[in-house]
Amino acid sequence: MVLLAYGAYGLYLDDLYIPTKRGGIHFHGPGAWMMYGALVCSAAIALALVIDHYDRRNNEHRYENFKSMASFIGWCFFGAALLGLVIPG
């Protein structure tokens, strides 16, 4: 929830700040939306992990498939956001 709220606040300000070791990166416009998509995917992966822990049915493979697909989509959003920094639109 905190991750989604932080991303939504960054979108509201049109300045999504992602801290790094050496300062941080500011995303604006479409890049911020792409990075927010990556944040949503990471939150979905964390939520799937919690739900899988409490689910008593034997369907762990479905959660693993969901996590791998969400991870792929999240990395695509992340790459697109970084590409938007390198090649401004």
N, C-alpha and C. Protein backbone atom coordinates (compact mmCIF):
# COMPACT_ATOMS: atom_id res chain seq x y z
N MET A 1 0.82 -1.19 0.00
CA MET A 1 0.00 0.00 0.00
C MET A 1 0.87 1.26 0.00
N VAL A 2 1.95 1.22 0.77
CA VAL A 2 2.83 2.39 0.85
C VAL A 2 3.47 2.66 -0.50
N LEU A 3 3.87 1.60 -1.18
CA LEU A 3 4.50 1.75 -2.49
C LEU A 3 3.55 2.38 -3.50
N LEU A 4 2.30 1.95 -3.49
CA LEU A 4 1.30 2.51 -4.41
C LEU A 4 0.97 3.96 -4.04
N ALA A 5 0.89 4.24 -2.75
CA ALA A 5 0.60 5.61 -2.32
C ALA A 5 1.75 6.55 -2.68
N TYR A 6 2.98 6.09 -2.50
CA TYR A 6 4.15 6.90 -2.85
C TYR A 6 4.17 7.20 -4.36
N GLY A 7 3.88 6.18 -5.15
CA GLY A 7 3.84 6.37 -6.59
C GLY A 7 2.71 7.29 -7.02
N ALA A 8 1.54 7.15 -6.40
CA ALA A 8 0.41 8.02 -6.75
C ALA A 8 0.71 9.47 -6.37
N TYR A 9 1.36 9.67 -5.25
CA TYR A 9 1.74 11.03 -4.84
C TYR A 9 2.76 11.62 -5.81
N GLY A 10 3.70 10.80 -6.26
CA GLY A 10 4.66 11.25 -7.26
C GLY A 10 4.00 11.60 -8.58
N LEU A 11 2.99 10.84 -8.98
CA LEU A 11 2.25 11.17 -10.20
C LEU A 11 1.47 12.46 -10.03
N TYR A 12 0.91 12.65 -8.85
CA TYR A 12 0.15 13.87 -8.58
C TYR A 12 1.06 15.10 -8.71
N LEU A 13 2.29 14.99 -8.22
CA LEU A 13 3.25 16.10 -8.31
C LEU A 13 3.94 16.17 -9.67
N ASP A 14 3.75 15.14 -10.50
CA ASP A 14 4.47 14.97 -11.76
C ASP A 14 5.97 14.96 -11.53
N ASP A 15 6.39 14.35 -10.42
CA ASP A 15 7.79 14.20 -10.08
C ASP A 15 7.93 12.95 -9.23
N LEU A 16 8.08 11.82 -9.90
CA LEU A 16 8.24 10.55 -9.20
C LEU A 16 9.72 10.35 -8.95
N TYR A 17 10.11 10.43 -7.69
CA TYR A 17 11.52 10.33 -7.30
C TYR A 17 11.81 8.91 -6.84
N ILE A 18 12.80 8.29 -7.45
CA ILE A 18 13.24 6.96 -7.07
C ILE A 18 14.65 7.10 -6.49
N PRO A 19 14.81 6.87 -5.17
CA PRO A 19 16.14 7.02 -4.57
C PRO A 19 17.09 5.90 -5.01
N THR A 20 18.35 6.26 -5.18
CA THR A 20 19.40 5.29 -5.51
C THR A 20 20.57 5.50 -4.57
N LYS A 21 21.63 4.72 -4.76
CA LYS A 21 22.82 4.86 -3.92
C LYS A 21 23.46 6.24 -4.06
N ARG A 22 23.47 6.74 -5.26
CA ARG A 22 24.18 7.99 -5.54
C ARG A 22 23.23 9.14 -5.83
N GLY A 23 22.23 9.31 -5.00
CA GLY A 23 21.30 10.42 -5.19
C GLY A 23 19.91 9.93 -5.49
N GLY A 24 19.53 9.92 -6.74
CA GLY A 24 18.21 9.46 -7.12
C GLY A 24 17.87 9.89 -8.54
N ILE A 25 16.73 9.41 -9.02
CA ILE A 25 16.27 9.71 -10.37
C ILE A 25 14.88 10.31 -10.26
N HIS A 26 14.63 11.38 -10.99
CA HIS A 26 13.32 12.02 -11.05
C HIS A 26 12.68 11.66 -12.38
N PHE A 27 11.47 11.16 -12.32
CA PHE A 27 10.71 10.83 -13.53
C PHE A 27 9.56 11.81 -13.66
N HIS A 28 9.32 12.27 -14.89
CA HIS A 28 8.25 13.23 -15.17
C HIS A 28 7.47 12.73 -16.38
N GLY A 29 6.20 13.10 -16.45
CA GLY A 29 5.36 12.79 -17.62
C GLY A 29 5.19 11.31 -17.87
N PRO A 30 5.34 10.88 -19.12
CA PRO A 30 5.14 9.46 -19.45
C PRO A 30 6.11 8.53 -18.72
N GLY A 31 7.32 9.00 -18.47
CA GLY A 31 8.29 8.19 -17.73
C GLY A 31 7.82 7.89 -16.32
N ALA A 32 7.17 8.87 -15.70
CA ALA A 32 6.62 8.66 -14.36
C ALA A 32 5.50 7.63 -14.39
N TRP A 33 4.67 7.69 -15.43
CA TRP A 33 3.60 6.71 -15.55
C TRP A 33 4.15 5.30 -15.77
N MET A 34 5.20 5.18 -16.56
CA MET A 34 5.83 3.88 -16.78
C MET A 34 6.44 3.34 -15.48
N MET A 35 7.09 4.22 -14.74
CA MET A 35 7.69 3.78 -13.48
C MET A 35 6.60 3.41 -12.47
N TYR A 36 5.47 4.12 -12.51
CA TYR A 36 4.36 3.77 -11.62
C TYR A 36 3.82 2.39 -12.01
N GLY A 37 3.79 2.08 -13.29
CA GLY A 37 3.39 0.73 -13.72
C GLY A 37 4.31 -0.33 -13.15
N ALA A 38 5.62 -0.05 -13.12
CA ALA A 38 6.57 -0.99 -12.53
C ALA A 38 6.32 -1.13 -11.03
N LEU A 39 5.99 -0.03 -10.35
CA LEU A 39 5.69 -0.08 -8.92
C LEU A 39 4.43 -0.90 -8.66
N VAL A 40 3.43 -0.76 -9.52
CA VAL A 40 2.19 -1.54 -9.38
C VAL A 40 2.49 -3.02 -9.55
N CYS A 41 3.33 -3.36 -10.51
CA CYS A 41 3.68 -4.77 -10.71
C CYS A 41 4.42 -5.34 -9.50
N SER A 42 5.33 -4.56 -8.92
CA SER A 42 6.05 -5.06 -7.75
C SER A 42 5.12 -5.20 -6.55
N ALA A 43 4.15 -4.30 -6.41
CA ALA A 43 3.17 -4.43 -5.33
C ALA A 43 2.29 -5.66 -5.55
N ALA A 44 1.94 -5.95 -6.80
CA ALA A 44 1.13 -7.12 -7.11
C ALA A 44 1.89 -8.41 -6.79
N ILE A 45 3.20 -8.41 -7.05
CA ILE A 45 4.01 -9.58 -6.72
C ILE A 45 4.06 -9.79 -5.22
N ALA A 46 4.23 -8.71 -4.46
CA ALA A 46 4.25 -8.83 -3.00
C ALA A 46 2.90 -9.31 -2.47
N LEU A 47 1.82 -8.81 -3.04
CA LEU A 47 0.49 -9.23 -2.61
C LEU A 47 0.25 -10.70 -2.95
N ALA A 48 0.70 -11.16 -4.11
CA ALA A 48 0.55 -12.56 -4.49
C ALA A 48 1.33 -13.46 -3.53
N LEU A 49 2.47 -13.00 -3.06
CA LEU A 49 3.24 -13.79 -2.10
C LEU A 49 2.48 -13.96 -0.79
N VAL A 50 1.85 -12.90 -0.32
CA VAL A 50 1.08 -12.97 0.91
C VAL A 50 -0.16 -13.85 0.72
N ILE A 51 -0.87 -13.68 -0.39
CA ILE A 51 -2.06 -14.48 -0.63
C ILE A 51 -1.70 -15.95 -0.76
N ASP A 52 -0.60 -16.26 -1.44
CA ASP A 52 -0.16 -17.65 -1.60
C ASP A 52 0.15 -18.26 -0.24
N HIS A 53 0.67 -17.48 0.67
CA HIS A 53 1.01 -18.00 2.00
C HIS A 53 -0.25 -18.45 2.75
N TYR A 54 -1.35 -17.74 2.58
CA TYR A 54 -2.58 -18.07 3.30
C TYR A 54 -3.51 -18.99 2.52
N ASP A 55 -3.26 -19.20 1.25
CA ASP A 55 -4.10 -20.07 0.43
C ASP A 55 -3.74 -21.52 0.74
N ARG A 56 -4.73 -22.30 1.14
CA ARG A 56 -4.48 -23.69 1.54
C ARG A 56 -4.55 -24.66 0.36
N ARG A 57 -5.02 -24.21 -0.79
CA ARG A 57 -5.12 -25.09 -1.94
C ARG A 57 -3.73 -25.36 -2.52
N ASN A 58 -3.62 -26.45 -3.24
CA ASN A 58 -2.35 -26.83 -3.85
C ASN A 58 -2.26 -26.22 -5.25
N ASN A 59 -2.04 -24.90 -5.33
CA ASN A 59 -1.96 -24.22 -6.62
C ASN A 59 -0.80 -23.22 -6.64
N GLU A 60 0.31 -23.60 -6.04
CA GLU A 60 1.46 -22.71 -6.01
C GLU A 60 1.98 -22.38 -7.40
N HIS A 61 1.81 -23.31 -8.35
CA HIS A 61 2.29 -23.06 -9.70
C HIS A 61 1.59 -21.87 -10.35
N ARG A 62 0.32 -21.66 -10.01
CA ARG A 62 -0.40 -20.51 -10.57
C ARG A 62 0.16 -19.20 -10.02
N TYR A 63 0.49 -19.18 -8.74
CA TYR A 63 1.09 -17.97 -8.16
C TYR A 63 2.48 -17.72 -8.73
N GLU A 64 3.23 -18.78 -8.97
CA GLU A 64 4.55 -18.63 -9.57
C GLU A 64 4.44 -18.09 -10.99
N ASN A 65 3.47 -18.59 -11.75
CA ASN A 65 3.25 -18.08 -13.11
C ASN A 65 2.87 -16.60 -13.08
N PHE A 66 1.98 -16.24 -12.14
CA PHE A 66 1.58 -14.84 -12.02
C PHE A 66 2.77 -13.97 -11.65
N LYS A 67 3.59 -14.43 -10.70
CA LYS A 67 4.74 -13.63 -10.27
C LYS A 67 5.75 -13.47 -11.40
N SER A 68 5.97 -14.52 -12.19
CA SER A 68 6.94 -14.39 -13.28
C SER A 68 6.41 -13.46 -14.38
N MET A 69 5.11 -13.53 -14.66
CA MET A 69 4.53 -12.64 -15.68
C MET A 69 4.53 -11.19 -15.20
N ALA A 70 4.15 -10.97 -13.96
CA ALA A 70 4.14 -9.61 -13.40
C ALA A 70 5.57 -9.06 -13.32
N SER A 71 6.52 -9.91 -13.03
CA SER A 71 7.91 -9.48 -12.99
C SER A 71 8.39 -9.06 -14.38
N PHE A 72 8.05 -9.85 -15.39
CA PHE A 72 8.44 -9.51 -16.76
C PHE A 72 7.83 -8.17 -17.18
N ILE A 73 6.53 -8.00 -16.91
CA ILE A 73 5.85 -6.76 -17.29
C ILE A 73 6.44 -5.58 -16.52
N GLY A 74 6.73 -5.79 -15.24
CA GLY A 74 7.33 -4.73 -14.42
C GLY A 74 8.69 -4.30 -14.94
N TRP A 75 9.52 -5.27 -15.32
CA TRP A 75 10.83 -4.92 -15.86
C TRP A 75 10.70 -4.21 -17.21
N CYS A 76 9.69 -4.58 -17.99
CA CYS A 76 9.45 -3.87 -19.26
C CYS A 76 9.07 -2.41 -19.00
N PHE A 77 8.18 -2.18 -18.02
CA PHE A 77 7.83 -0.81 -17.65
C PHE A 77 9.05 -0.05 -17.16
N PHE A 78 9.87 -0.70 -16.33
CA PHE A 78 11.06 -0.06 -15.80
C PHE A 78 12.02 0.32 -16.93
N GLY A 79 12.24 -0.60 -17.85
CA GLY A 79 13.12 -0.32 -18.98
C GLY A 79 12.58 0.80 -19.86
N ALA A 80 11.27 0.81 -20.07
CA ALA A 80 10.67 1.87 -20.88
C ALA A 80 10.81 3.23 -20.19
N ALA A 81 10.68 3.24 -18.87
CA ALA A 81 10.84 4.50 -18.13
C ALA A 81 12.28 4.99 -18.22
N LEU A 82 13.25 4.09 -18.09
CA LEU A 82 14.65 4.51 -18.21
C LEU A 82 14.98 4.91 -19.64
N LEU A 83 14.40 4.25 -20.62
CA LEU A 83 14.62 4.61 -22.02
C LEU A 83 14.06 6.00 -22.29
N GLY A 84 12.97 6.35 -21.63
CA GLY A 84 12.41 7.69 -21.76
C GLY A 84 13.33 8.75 -21.20
N LEU A 85 14.18 8.40 -20.23
CA LEU A 85 15.16 9.36 -19.72
C LEU A 85 16.29 9.57 -20.71
N VAL A 86 16.69 8.48 -21.39
CA VAL A 86 17.81 8.56 -22.33
C VAL A 86 17.38 9.21 -23.63
N ILE A 87 16.19 8.83 -24.12
CA ILE A 87 15.67 9.36 -25.38
C ILE A 87 14.42 10.18 -25.05
N PRO A 88 14.57 11.46 -24.78
CA PRO A 88 13.39 12.26 -24.41
C PRO A 88 12.43 12.38 -25.58
N GLY A 89 11.12 12.36 -25.24
CA GLY A 89 10.07 12.40 -26.26
C GLY A 89 9.67 13.74 -26.54
